[in-house]
């Protein structure tokens, strides 16, 4: 069905874009020194104190001005930039990375991009799994943003369809509950996959 394909597209692209932006931003905040760094960190921390729905109207008008309403790219854009807490989690993880390895790479002539891709990034498997899991769950299960940005039925995601189903079939709660159980299977599968990665990256090294 179209709503399942829409959900798959939005979730996959959101996972990739959100995780890439989160890791690169957290790396810059942890290791690079530039003007406005502290202000950017304080802004990210401040945004986590407010619920996301406070900016829904402003975001909707912005998307309408640039022509991204009723489109999956607009929804992907909203989901990819809406997880400010992930930046703080990733930065806290990067702060624990040994700086001696990076300094040794600089002495060997490596540039900043090489240090990020070949030295720092392989160490971030646990935080990579955490961010991917958060991005997937947010894109897969959130229906408020999906319904606001994509109001055409042809652009609905699975979460919006389930919300509409729960409203129209309120007198048949057993059908609604069965539907929620079925649609929760992909989330459970992704969680179990990421859980193994997180445990392999955190628990096993600590046991050696």
N, C-alpha and C. Protein backbone atom coordinates (compact mmCIF):
# COMPACT_ATOMS: atom_id res chain seq x y z
N UNK A 1 0.82 -1.21 0.00
CA UNK A 1 0.00 0.00 0.00
C UNK A 1 0.86 1.27 0.00
N UNK A 2 0.26 2.37 -0.45
CA UNK A 2 1.01 3.61 -0.58
C UNK A 2 1.45 4.16 0.75
N UNK A 3 0.61 4.04 1.78
CA UNK A 3 0.98 4.60 3.08
C UNK A 3 2.18 3.86 3.69
N UNK A 4 2.29 2.56 3.41
CA UNK A 4 3.45 1.82 3.91
C UNK A 4 4.71 2.24 3.17
N UNK A 5 4.62 2.44 1.86
CA UNK A 5 5.77 2.90 1.09
C UNK A 5 6.20 4.29 1.53
N UNK A 6 5.24 5.17 1.78
CA UNK A 6 5.56 6.51 2.27
C UNK A 6 6.30 6.45 3.60
N UNK A 7 5.83 5.60 4.50
CA UNK A 7 6.48 5.45 5.81
C UNK A 7 7.90 4.94 5.66
N UNK A 8 8.10 3.96 4.79
CA UNK A 8 9.43 3.39 4.58
C UNK A 8 10.39 4.44 4.02
N UNK A 9 9.94 5.22 3.05
CA UNK A 9 10.79 6.25 2.46
C UNK A 9 11.17 7.31 3.50
N UNK A 10 10.17 7.78 4.23
CA UNK A 10 10.41 8.83 5.22
C UNK A 10 11.33 8.33 6.32
N UNK A 11 11.10 7.12 6.83
CA UNK A 11 11.90 6.58 7.93
C UNK A 11 13.34 6.34 7.52
N UNK A 12 13.57 5.78 6.34
CA UNK A 12 14.92 5.46 5.89
C UNK A 12 15.72 6.73 5.64
N UNK A 13 15.15 7.69 4.92
CA UNK A 13 15.88 8.93 4.64
C UNK A 13 16.09 9.74 5.91
N UNK A 14 15.12 9.72 6.82
CA UNK A 14 15.28 10.44 8.08
C UNK A 14 16.41 9.84 8.91
N UNK A 15 16.47 8.51 8.96
CA UNK A 15 17.55 7.85 9.70
C UNK A 15 18.91 8.27 9.16
N UNK A 16 19.08 8.23 7.85
CA UNK A 16 20.38 8.54 7.26
C UNK A 16 20.75 10.01 7.45
N UNK A 17 19.84 10.91 7.11
CA UNK A 17 20.14 12.34 7.17
C UNK A 17 20.32 12.80 8.61
N UNK A 18 19.40 12.40 9.48
CA UNK A 18 19.47 12.82 10.87
C UNK A 18 20.73 12.32 11.56
N UNK A 19 21.08 11.06 11.32
CA UNK A 19 22.29 10.50 11.94
C UNK A 19 23.55 11.16 11.43
N UNK A 20 23.62 11.41 10.11
CA UNK A 20 24.80 12.06 9.54
C UNK A 20 24.95 13.48 10.09
N UNK A 21 23.86 14.24 10.11
CA UNK A 21 23.92 15.61 10.63
C UNK A 21 24.27 15.63 12.11
N UNK A 22 23.71 14.69 12.87
CA UNK A 22 23.98 14.64 14.30
C UNK A 22 25.44 14.36 14.59
N UNK A 23 26.02 13.37 13.91
CA UNK A 23 27.41 13.01 14.16
C UNK A 23 28.36 14.12 13.75
N UNK A 24 28.13 14.72 12.59
CA UNK A 24 29.03 15.79 12.14
C UNK A 24 28.92 17.02 13.03
N UNK A 25 27.70 17.36 13.45
CA UNK A 25 27.52 18.51 14.34
C UNK A 25 28.14 18.25 15.70
N UNK A 26 27.92 17.06 16.25
CA UNK A 26 28.49 16.73 17.56
C UNK A 26 30.02 16.70 17.50
N UNK A 27 30.57 16.21 16.40
CA UNK A 27 32.03 16.19 16.24
C UNK A 27 32.57 17.62 16.24
N UNK A 28 31.91 18.51 15.51
CA UNK A 28 32.37 19.90 15.46
C UNK A 28 32.28 20.57 16.83
N UNK A 29 31.20 20.29 17.56
CA UNK A 29 31.05 20.90 18.88
C UNK A 29 32.05 20.35 19.89
N UNK A 30 32.48 19.12 19.71
CA UNK A 30 33.39 18.50 20.67
C UNK A 30 34.86 18.82 20.39
N UNK A 31 35.25 18.86 19.12
CA UNK A 31 36.68 18.93 18.79
C UNK A 31 37.12 20.21 18.09
N UNK A 32 36.21 20.90 17.46
CA UNK A 32 36.60 22.10 16.72
C UNK A 32 36.33 23.34 17.56
N UNK A 33 37.12 24.34 17.35
CA UNK A 33 36.96 25.61 18.05
C UNK A 33 36.62 26.69 17.02
N UNK A 34 35.43 27.26 17.13
CA UNK A 34 34.99 28.26 16.18
C UNK A 34 34.10 29.27 16.89
N UNK A 35 33.93 30.41 16.27
CA UNK A 35 33.14 31.47 16.87
C UNK A 35 31.66 31.07 16.89
N UNK A 36 31.01 31.27 18.00
CA UNK A 36 29.60 30.92 18.15
C UNK A 36 29.37 29.49 18.61
N UNK A 37 30.45 28.79 18.98
CA UNK A 37 30.31 27.39 19.39
C UNK A 37 29.47 27.27 20.66
N UNK A 38 29.76 28.07 21.66
CA UNK A 38 29.01 28.00 22.91
C UNK A 38 27.56 28.42 22.71
N UNK A 39 27.34 29.43 21.87
CA UNK A 39 25.97 29.87 21.61
C UNK A 39 25.17 28.77 20.93
N UNK A 40 25.80 28.03 20.02
CA UNK A 40 25.13 26.92 19.35
C UNK A 40 24.80 25.81 20.33
N UNK A 41 25.73 25.51 21.23
CA UNK A 41 25.47 24.48 22.24
C UNK A 41 24.34 24.90 23.17
N UNK A 42 24.34 26.16 23.60
CA UNK A 42 23.28 26.63 24.49
C UNK A 42 21.92 26.63 23.79
N UNK A 43 21.92 26.94 22.50
CA UNK A 43 20.66 26.92 21.74
C UNK A 43 20.11 25.51 21.63
N UNK A 44 20.99 24.54 21.34
CA UNK A 44 20.55 23.14 21.26
C UNK A 44 20.01 22.66 22.61
N UNK A 45 20.66 23.08 23.69
CA UNK A 45 20.18 22.69 25.02
C UNK A 45 18.86 23.36 25.33
N UNK A 46 18.70 24.61 24.92
CA UNK A 46 17.46 25.34 25.20
C UNK A 46 16.28 24.74 24.43
N UNK A 47 16.52 24.31 23.22
CA UNK A 47 15.44 23.76 22.40
C UNK A 47 14.89 22.45 22.97
N UNK A 48 15.72 21.72 23.71
CA UNK A 48 15.24 20.46 24.29
C UNK A 48 14.27 20.71 25.45
N UNK A 49 14.19 21.93 25.95
CA UNK A 49 13.31 22.22 27.07
C UNK A 49 11.87 22.48 26.64
N UNK A 50 11.65 22.65 25.34
CA UNK A 50 10.32 22.99 24.85
C UNK A 50 9.81 21.87 23.93
N UNK A 51 8.53 21.55 24.02
CA UNK A 51 7.98 20.52 23.13
C UNK A 51 7.97 20.99 21.68
N UNK A 52 8.10 20.04 20.78
CA UNK A 52 8.22 20.37 19.38
C UNK A 52 6.98 21.00 18.77
N UNK A 53 5.79 20.74 19.35
CA UNK A 53 4.56 21.24 18.74
C UNK A 53 4.43 22.76 18.86
N UNK A 54 5.26 23.39 19.69
CA UNK A 54 5.19 24.84 19.82
C UNK A 54 5.58 25.55 18.52
N UNK A 55 6.42 24.89 17.73
CA UNK A 55 6.85 25.52 16.48
C UNK A 55 6.15 24.99 15.25
N UNK A 56 5.05 24.25 15.44
CA UNK A 56 4.38 23.62 14.30
C UNK A 56 3.87 24.64 13.29
N UNK A 57 3.21 25.68 13.78
CA UNK A 57 2.61 26.65 12.88
C UNK A 57 3.69 27.38 12.08
N UNK A 58 4.76 27.80 12.77
CA UNK A 58 5.84 28.51 12.09
C UNK A 58 6.51 27.62 11.05
N UNK A 59 6.74 26.35 11.40
CA UNK A 59 7.37 25.42 10.46
C UNK A 59 6.47 25.17 9.27
N UNK A 60 5.16 25.07 9.51
CA UNK A 60 4.23 24.83 8.40
C UNK A 60 4.24 25.99 7.42
N UNK A 61 4.20 27.23 7.92
CA UNK A 61 4.22 28.38 7.03
C UNK A 61 5.55 28.48 6.27
N UNK A 62 6.64 28.10 6.93
CA UNK A 62 7.93 28.10 6.26
C UNK A 62 7.96 27.07 5.12
N UNK A 63 7.46 25.88 5.39
CA UNK A 63 7.41 24.85 4.35
C UNK A 63 6.48 25.26 3.21
N UNK A 64 5.42 25.94 3.54
CA UNK A 64 4.50 26.39 2.49
C UNK A 64 5.14 27.45 1.60
N UNK A 65 5.96 28.30 2.20
CA UNK A 65 6.63 29.34 1.41
C UNK A 65 7.64 28.76 0.44
N UNK A 66 8.29 27.67 0.82
CA UNK A 66 9.30 27.08 -0.06
C UNK A 66 8.73 25.91 -0.87
N UNK A 67 7.42 25.70 -0.77
CA UNK A 67 6.76 24.71 -1.61
C UNK A 67 6.99 23.27 -1.23
N UNK A 68 7.14 22.98 0.05
CA UNK A 68 7.39 21.61 0.50
C UNK A 68 6.25 21.01 1.30
N UNK A 69 5.09 21.68 1.33
CA UNK A 69 3.94 21.06 1.96
C UNK A 69 3.36 19.99 1.03
N UNK A 70 2.70 19.02 1.63
CA UNK A 70 2.14 17.89 0.87
C UNK A 70 3.19 17.20 0.03
N UNK A 71 4.37 17.02 0.63
CA UNK A 71 5.46 16.32 -0.05
C UNK A 71 6.27 15.56 0.98
N UNK A 72 6.78 14.42 0.58
CA UNK A 72 7.62 13.63 1.49
C UNK A 72 8.94 14.31 1.80
N UNK A 73 9.60 15.02 0.84
CA UNK A 73 10.82 15.74 1.21
C UNK A 73 10.61 16.76 2.33
N UNK A 74 9.46 17.43 2.34
CA UNK A 74 9.17 18.37 3.43
C UNK A 74 9.07 17.68 4.77
N UNK A 75 8.43 16.51 4.78
CA UNK A 75 8.31 15.76 6.03
C UNK A 75 9.66 15.22 6.48
N UNK A 76 10.47 14.76 5.55
CA UNK A 76 11.81 14.29 5.88
C UNK A 76 12.65 15.42 6.46
N UNK A 77 12.52 16.62 5.88
CA UNK A 77 13.26 17.78 6.38
C UNK A 77 12.88 18.10 7.82
N UNK A 78 11.60 18.03 8.13
CA UNK A 78 11.13 18.32 9.50
C UNK A 78 11.66 17.29 10.48
N UNK A 79 11.55 16.01 10.13
CA UNK A 79 12.00 14.96 11.02
C UNK A 79 13.53 14.96 11.19
N UNK A 80 14.26 15.28 10.14
CA UNK A 80 15.72 15.21 10.20
C UNK A 80 16.32 16.28 11.10
N UNK A 81 15.66 17.41 11.23
CA UNK A 81 16.22 18.49 12.03
C UNK A 81 15.53 18.71 13.35
N UNK A 82 14.68 17.77 13.75
CA UNK A 82 13.88 18.01 14.94
C UNK A 82 14.30 17.29 16.19
N UNK A 83 15.44 16.62 16.19
CA UNK A 83 15.86 15.84 17.37
C UNK A 83 17.08 16.50 18.00
N UNK A 84 16.86 17.62 18.69
CA UNK A 84 17.97 18.35 19.28
C UNK A 84 18.68 17.59 20.38
N UNK A 85 17.96 16.72 21.08
CA UNK A 85 18.59 15.98 22.17
C UNK A 85 19.64 15.01 21.64
N UNK A 86 19.48 14.55 20.40
CA UNK A 86 20.48 13.63 19.83
C UNK A 86 21.84 14.28 19.71
N UNK A 87 21.86 15.59 19.43
CA UNK A 87 23.14 16.28 19.32
C UNK A 87 23.86 16.29 20.66
N UNK A 88 23.11 16.50 21.73
CA UNK A 88 23.73 16.53 23.05
C UNK A 88 24.22 15.14 23.46
N UNK A 89 23.45 14.10 23.12
CA UNK A 89 23.89 12.73 23.44
C UNK A 89 25.16 12.39 22.67
N UNK A 90 25.18 12.72 21.38
CA UNK A 90 26.36 12.42 20.57
C UNK A 90 27.57 13.22 21.04
N UNK A 91 27.36 14.46 21.40
CA UNK A 91 28.48 15.28 21.88
C UNK A 91 29.06 14.71 23.17
N UNK A 92 28.18 14.28 24.08
CA UNK A 92 28.67 13.67 25.30
C UNK A 92 29.49 12.41 25.03
N UNK A 93 29.12 11.67 24.00
CA UNK A 93 29.89 10.48 23.64
C UNK A 93 31.23 10.88 23.03
N UNK A 94 31.23 11.86 22.16
CA UNK A 94 32.48 12.30 21.53
C UNK A 94 33.46 12.86 22.56
N UNK A 95 32.94 13.46 23.61
CA UNK A 95 33.82 14.02 24.64
C UNK A 95 34.63 12.94 25.36
N UNK A 96 34.16 11.70 25.29
CA UNK A 96 34.88 10.61 25.95
C UNK A 96 35.91 9.94 25.04
N UNK A 97 35.93 10.32 23.76
CA UNK A 97 36.89 9.72 22.82
C UNK A 97 38.29 10.24 23.12
N UNK A 98 39.27 9.34 23.09
CA UNK A 98 40.64 9.71 23.38
C UNK A 98 41.17 10.70 22.33
N UNK A 99 41.70 11.80 22.81
CA UNK A 99 42.23 12.82 21.90
C UNK A 99 43.64 12.46 21.42
N UNK A 100 44.30 11.53 22.10
CA UNK A 100 45.65 11.16 21.68
C UNK A 100 45.65 10.50 20.31
N UNK A 101 44.62 9.72 20.00
CA UNK A 101 44.52 9.10 18.69
C UNK A 101 44.39 10.15 17.59
N UNK A 102 43.59 11.16 17.84
CA UNK A 102 43.42 12.23 16.85
C UNK A 102 44.72 13.00 16.66
N UNK A 103 45.40 13.27 17.78
CA UNK A 103 46.66 14.00 17.68
C UNK A 103 47.71 13.20 16.93
N UNK A 104 47.74 11.88 17.14
CA UNK A 104 48.68 11.04 16.40
C UNK A 104 48.37 11.06 14.91
N UNK A 105 47.08 11.07 14.57
CA UNK A 105 46.70 11.12 13.15
C UNK A 105 47.11 12.45 12.53
N UNK A 106 46.99 13.53 13.27
CA UNK A 106 47.43 14.83 12.75
C UNK A 106 48.93 14.84 12.49
N UNK A 107 49.68 14.20 13.38
CA UNK A 107 51.13 14.14 13.19
C UNK A 107 51.50 13.34 11.95
N UNK A 108 50.65 12.38 11.57
CA UNK A 108 50.89 11.58 10.37
C UNK A 108 50.43 12.29 9.10
N UNK A 109 49.86 13.48 9.26
CA UNK A 109 49.44 14.26 8.09
C UNK A 109 47.99 14.12 7.71
N UNK A 110 47.18 13.52 8.55
CA UNK A 110 45.76 13.35 8.23
C UNK A 110 45.02 14.68 8.42
N UNK A 111 44.05 14.92 7.55
CA UNK A 111 43.24 16.12 7.69
C UNK A 111 42.02 15.83 8.57
N UNK A 112 41.20 16.85 8.80
CA UNK A 112 40.08 16.72 9.72
C UNK A 112 39.06 15.70 9.23
N UNK A 113 38.79 15.66 7.93
CA UNK A 113 37.82 14.72 7.38
C UNK A 113 38.30 13.28 7.52
N UNK A 114 39.59 13.06 7.32
CA UNK A 114 40.16 11.72 7.47
C UNK A 114 40.09 11.26 8.92
N UNK A 115 40.37 12.16 9.85
CA UNK A 115 40.29 11.82 11.27
C UNK A 115 38.87 11.46 11.65
N UNK A 116 37.91 12.20 11.10
CA UNK A 116 36.50 11.94 11.43
C UNK A 116 36.04 10.59 10.88
N UNK A 117 36.37 10.30 9.62
CA UNK A 117 35.87 9.09 8.96
C UNK A 117 36.60 7.83 9.38
N UNK A 118 37.93 7.90 9.55
CA UNK A 118 38.72 6.69 9.76
C UNK A 118 39.09 6.42 11.21
N UNK A 119 39.01 7.43 12.06
CA UNK A 119 39.41 7.23 13.45
C UNK A 119 38.23 7.40 14.40
N UNK A 120 37.57 8.54 14.31
CA UNK A 120 36.50 8.83 15.27
C UNK A 120 35.23 8.06 14.95
N UNK A 121 34.84 8.03 13.68
CA UNK A 121 33.57 7.41 13.32
C UNK A 121 33.50 5.92 13.66
N UNK A 122 34.55 5.11 13.44
CA UNK A 122 34.45 3.70 13.83
C UNK A 122 34.23 3.48 15.32
N UNK A 123 34.56 4.46 16.15
CA UNK A 123 34.35 4.32 17.58
C UNK A 123 32.93 4.65 18.01
N UNK A 124 32.14 5.18 17.09
CA UNK A 124 30.82 5.70 17.45
C UNK A 124 29.69 4.73 17.12
N UNK A 125 29.98 3.45 17.00
CA UNK A 125 28.94 2.48 16.66
C UNK A 125 27.77 2.51 17.66
N UNK A 126 28.01 2.53 18.97
CA UNK A 126 26.88 2.57 19.90
C UNK A 126 26.02 3.82 19.75
N UNK A 127 26.67 4.99 19.67
CA UNK A 127 25.90 6.23 19.55
C UNK A 127 25.24 6.32 18.19
N UNK A 128 25.85 5.71 17.18
CA UNK A 128 25.24 5.65 15.85
C UNK A 128 23.94 4.86 15.91
N UNK A 129 23.96 3.75 16.63
CA UNK A 129 22.75 2.94 16.78
C UNK A 129 21.68 3.68 17.57
N UNK A 130 22.08 4.40 18.61
CA UNK A 130 21.11 5.14 19.41
C UNK A 130 20.43 6.22 18.58
N UNK A 131 21.22 6.98 17.83
CA UNK A 131 20.65 8.05 17.02
C UNK A 131 19.76 7.51 15.90
N UNK A 132 20.20 6.41 15.27
CA UNK A 132 19.39 5.80 14.22
C UNK A 132 18.07 5.29 14.78
N UNK A 133 18.12 4.69 15.96
CA UNK A 133 16.90 4.19 16.59
C UNK A 133 15.95 5.33 16.93
N UNK A 134 16.47 6.40 17.51
CA UNK A 134 15.62 7.55 17.84
C UNK A 134 15.00 8.17 16.60
N UNK A 135 15.81 8.32 15.54
CA UNK A 135 15.30 8.91 14.31
C UNK A 135 14.23 8.04 13.67
N UNK A 136 14.45 6.72 13.68
CA UNK A 136 13.47 5.81 13.07
C UNK A 136 12.15 5.84 13.83
N UNK A 137 12.22 5.75 15.15
CA UNK A 137 10.99 5.75 15.95
C UNK A 137 10.24 7.06 15.78
N UNK A 138 10.98 8.17 15.74
CA UNK A 138 10.33 9.48 15.58
C UNK A 138 9.63 9.58 14.23
N UNK A 139 10.30 9.15 13.17
CA UNK A 139 9.71 9.24 11.83
C UNK A 139 8.62 8.21 11.62
N UNK A 140 8.72 7.08 12.26
CA UNK A 140 7.77 5.99 12.04
C UNK A 140 6.48 6.18 12.82
N UNK A 141 6.58 6.69 14.03
CA UNK A 141 5.41 6.71 14.91
C UNK A 141 4.77 8.08 15.09
N UNK A 142 5.42 9.14 14.66
CA UNK A 142 4.85 10.47 14.86
C UNK A 142 3.81 10.77 13.79
N UNK A 143 2.61 11.08 14.21
CA UNK A 143 1.54 11.36 13.24
C UNK A 143 1.19 12.85 13.18
N UNK A 144 1.52 13.63 14.23
CA UNK A 144 1.13 15.04 14.23
C UNK A 144 1.80 15.80 13.09
N UNK A 145 3.14 15.67 12.99
CA UNK A 145 3.86 16.36 11.93
C UNK A 145 3.48 15.81 10.56
N UNK A 146 3.30 14.49 10.48
CA UNK A 146 2.95 13.89 9.20
C UNK A 146 1.60 14.38 8.70
N UNK A 147 0.64 14.53 9.59
CA UNK A 147 -0.68 15.00 9.18
C UNK A 147 -0.67 16.49 8.87
N UNK A 148 0.16 17.26 9.57
CA UNK A 148 0.23 18.70 9.33
C UNK A 148 0.93 19.01 8.01
N UNK A 149 2.04 18.36 7.75
CA UNK A 149 2.81 18.66 6.54
C UNK A 149 2.18 18.02 5.32
N UNK A 150 1.74 16.77 5.43
CA UNK A 150 1.17 16.04 4.29
C UNK A 150 -0.30 15.78 4.55
N UNK A 151 -1.16 16.70 4.13
CA UNK A 151 -2.59 16.57 4.38
C UNK A 151 -3.31 15.78 3.30
N UNK A 152 -2.67 15.57 2.16
CA UNK A 152 -3.27 14.73 1.13
C UNK A 152 -3.18 13.27 1.53
N UNK A 153 -4.25 12.53 1.30
CA UNK A 153 -4.28 11.13 1.69
C UNK A 153 -3.23 10.30 0.98
N UNK A 154 -2.86 10.70 -0.23
CA UNK A 154 -1.85 9.95 -0.98
C UNK A 154 -0.46 10.08 -0.37
N UNK A 155 -0.26 11.07 0.52
CA UNK A 155 1.04 11.28 1.16
C UNK A 155 1.01 10.89 2.63
N UNK A 156 -0.05 10.27 3.09
CA UNK A 156 -0.12 9.86 4.48
C UNK A 156 0.91 8.78 4.79
N UNK A 157 1.36 8.80 6.03
CA UNK A 157 2.23 7.73 6.52
C UNK A 157 1.40 6.73 7.33
N UNK A 158 2.06 5.68 7.77
CA UNK A 158 1.37 4.64 8.52
C UNK A 158 0.79 5.18 9.82
N UNK A 159 1.49 6.09 10.47
CA UNK A 159 1.01 6.64 11.74
C UNK A 159 -0.28 7.44 11.53
N UNK A 160 -0.35 8.22 10.46
CA UNK A 160 -1.56 8.99 10.18
C UNK A 160 -2.72 8.04 9.86
N UNK A 161 -2.45 7.03 9.09
CA UNK A 161 -3.49 6.07 8.73
C UNK A 161 -4.02 5.35 9.97
N UNK A 162 -3.13 4.99 10.89
CA UNK A 162 -3.57 4.33 12.12
C UNK A 162 -4.38 5.29 12.99
N UNK A 163 -4.00 6.56 13.00
CA UNK A 163 -4.78 7.54 13.76
C UNK A 163 -6.19 7.67 13.19
N UNK A 164 -6.28 7.76 11.89
CA UNK A 164 -7.60 7.85 11.26
C UNK A 164 -8.41 6.58 11.52
N UNK A 165 -7.75 5.44 11.50
CA UNK A 165 -8.43 4.19 11.77
C UNK A 165 -8.96 4.15 13.20
N UNK A 166 -8.17 4.64 14.15
CA UNK A 166 -8.62 4.65 15.55
C UNK A 166 -9.81 5.56 15.76
N UNK A 167 -9.96 6.59 14.90
CA UNK A 167 -11.09 7.50 15.02
C UNK A 167 -12.35 6.93 14.37
N UNK A 168 -12.19 6.35 13.20
CA UNK A 168 -13.35 5.84 12.47
C UNK A 168 -13.85 4.50 13.02
N UNK A 169 -12.96 3.75 13.66
CA UNK A 169 -13.35 2.44 14.20
C UNK A 169 -13.29 2.45 15.73
N UNK A 170 -13.67 3.54 16.32
CA UNK A 170 -13.63 3.66 17.78
C UNK A 170 -14.57 2.67 18.46
N UNK A 171 -15.61 2.26 17.75
CA UNK A 171 -16.55 1.31 18.32
C UNK A 171 -16.09 -0.14 18.18
N UNK A 172 -14.93 -0.35 17.56
CA UNK A 172 -14.34 -1.68 17.42
C UNK A 172 -12.89 -1.64 17.94
N UNK A 173 -12.73 -1.49 19.24
CA UNK A 173 -11.37 -1.32 19.80
C UNK A 173 -10.47 -2.52 19.56
N UNK A 174 -11.04 -3.72 19.43
CA UNK A 174 -10.20 -4.89 19.20
C UNK A 174 -9.49 -4.82 17.84
N UNK A 175 -10.17 -4.27 16.85
CA UNK A 175 -9.53 -4.10 15.53
C UNK A 175 -8.42 -3.06 15.59
N UNK A 176 -8.67 -1.98 16.34
CA UNK A 176 -7.66 -0.94 16.47
C UNK A 176 -6.43 -1.48 17.19
N UNK A 177 -6.63 -2.22 18.27
CA UNK A 177 -5.51 -2.78 19.01
C UNK A 177 -4.72 -3.77 18.16
N UNK A 178 -5.42 -4.56 17.37
CA UNK A 178 -4.73 -5.51 16.49
C UNK A 178 -3.90 -4.77 15.45
N UNK A 179 -4.43 -3.67 14.93
CA UNK A 179 -3.67 -2.88 13.97
C UNK A 179 -2.41 -2.28 14.58
N UNK A 180 -2.51 -1.77 15.81
CA UNK A 180 -1.34 -1.21 16.48
C UNK A 180 -0.28 -2.27 16.76
N UNK A 181 -0.72 -3.47 17.08
CA UNK A 181 0.23 -4.56 17.32
C UNK A 181 0.99 -4.89 16.05
N UNK A 182 0.28 -4.93 14.93
CA UNK A 182 0.91 -5.28 13.66
C UNK A 182 1.92 -4.21 13.24
N UNK A 183 1.53 -2.94 13.35
CA UNK A 183 2.43 -1.88 12.88
C UNK A 183 3.60 -1.66 13.83
N UNK A 184 3.54 -2.21 15.04
CA UNK A 184 4.67 -2.07 15.98
C UNK A 184 5.78 -3.07 15.72
N UNK A 185 5.54 -4.05 14.85
CA UNK A 185 6.54 -5.08 14.58
C UNK A 185 7.83 -4.49 13.99
N UNK A 186 7.78 -3.61 12.96
CA UNK A 186 9.03 -3.04 12.45
C UNK A 186 9.82 -2.26 13.51
N UNK A 187 9.12 -1.54 14.37
CA UNK A 187 9.81 -0.80 15.43
C UNK A 187 10.52 -1.74 16.38
N UNK A 188 9.85 -2.83 16.74
CA UNK A 188 10.47 -3.82 17.63
C UNK A 188 11.69 -4.46 16.98
N UNK A 189 11.60 -4.75 15.68
CA UNK A 189 12.73 -5.35 14.98
C UNK A 189 13.93 -4.41 14.94
N UNK A 190 13.69 -3.15 14.64
CA UNK A 190 14.78 -2.17 14.61
C UNK A 190 15.37 -1.98 15.99
N UNK A 191 14.52 -1.99 17.01
CA UNK A 191 15.02 -1.85 18.37
C UNK A 191 15.93 -3.00 18.76
N UNK A 192 15.53 -4.21 18.44
CA UNK A 192 16.36 -5.37 18.78
C UNK A 192 17.69 -5.34 18.03
N UNK A 193 17.66 -4.91 16.77
CA UNK A 193 18.89 -4.81 16.01
C UNK A 193 19.83 -3.77 16.60
N UNK A 194 19.31 -2.60 16.93
CA UNK A 194 20.14 -1.56 17.52
C UNK A 194 20.59 -1.93 18.92
N UNK A 195 19.76 -2.67 19.64
CA UNK A 195 20.14 -3.07 21.00
C UNK A 195 21.38 -3.96 20.98
N UNK A 196 21.45 -4.87 20.02
CA UNK A 196 22.62 -5.73 19.91
C UNK A 196 23.88 -4.91 19.61
N UNK A 197 23.74 -3.92 18.74
CA UNK A 197 24.88 -3.07 18.39
C UNK A 197 25.34 -2.28 19.60
N UNK A 198 24.39 -1.74 20.35
CA UNK A 198 24.73 -0.94 21.53
C UNK A 198 25.43 -1.80 22.58
N UNK A 199 24.91 -2.99 22.83
CA UNK A 199 25.52 -3.87 23.82
C UNK A 199 26.90 -4.33 23.38
N UNK A 200 27.06 -4.60 22.09
CA UNK A 200 28.37 -5.03 21.59
C UNK A 200 29.39 -3.91 21.68
N UNK A 201 28.94 -2.68 21.57
CA UNK A 201 29.86 -1.54 21.60
C UNK A 201 30.15 -1.00 22.98
N UNK A 202 29.28 -1.28 23.95
CA UNK A 202 29.45 -0.70 25.28
C UNK A 202 29.73 -1.78 26.33
N UNK A 203 28.87 -2.78 26.40
CA UNK A 203 28.98 -3.78 27.46
C UNK A 203 30.19 -4.68 27.27
N UNK A 204 30.37 -5.22 26.07
CA UNK A 204 31.47 -6.17 25.85
C UNK A 204 32.85 -5.55 26.06
N UNK A 205 33.14 -4.34 25.53
CA UNK A 205 34.46 -3.78 25.82
C UNK A 205 34.70 -3.54 27.31
N UNK A 206 33.64 -3.21 28.06
CA UNK A 206 33.82 -2.96 29.49
C UNK A 206 34.08 -4.24 30.26
N UNK A 207 33.76 -5.40 29.68
CA UNK A 207 33.97 -6.67 30.36
C UNK A 207 35.36 -7.25 30.13
N UNK A 208 36.10 -6.67 29.16
CA UNK A 208 37.44 -7.19 28.88
C UNK A 208 38.43 -6.79 29.96
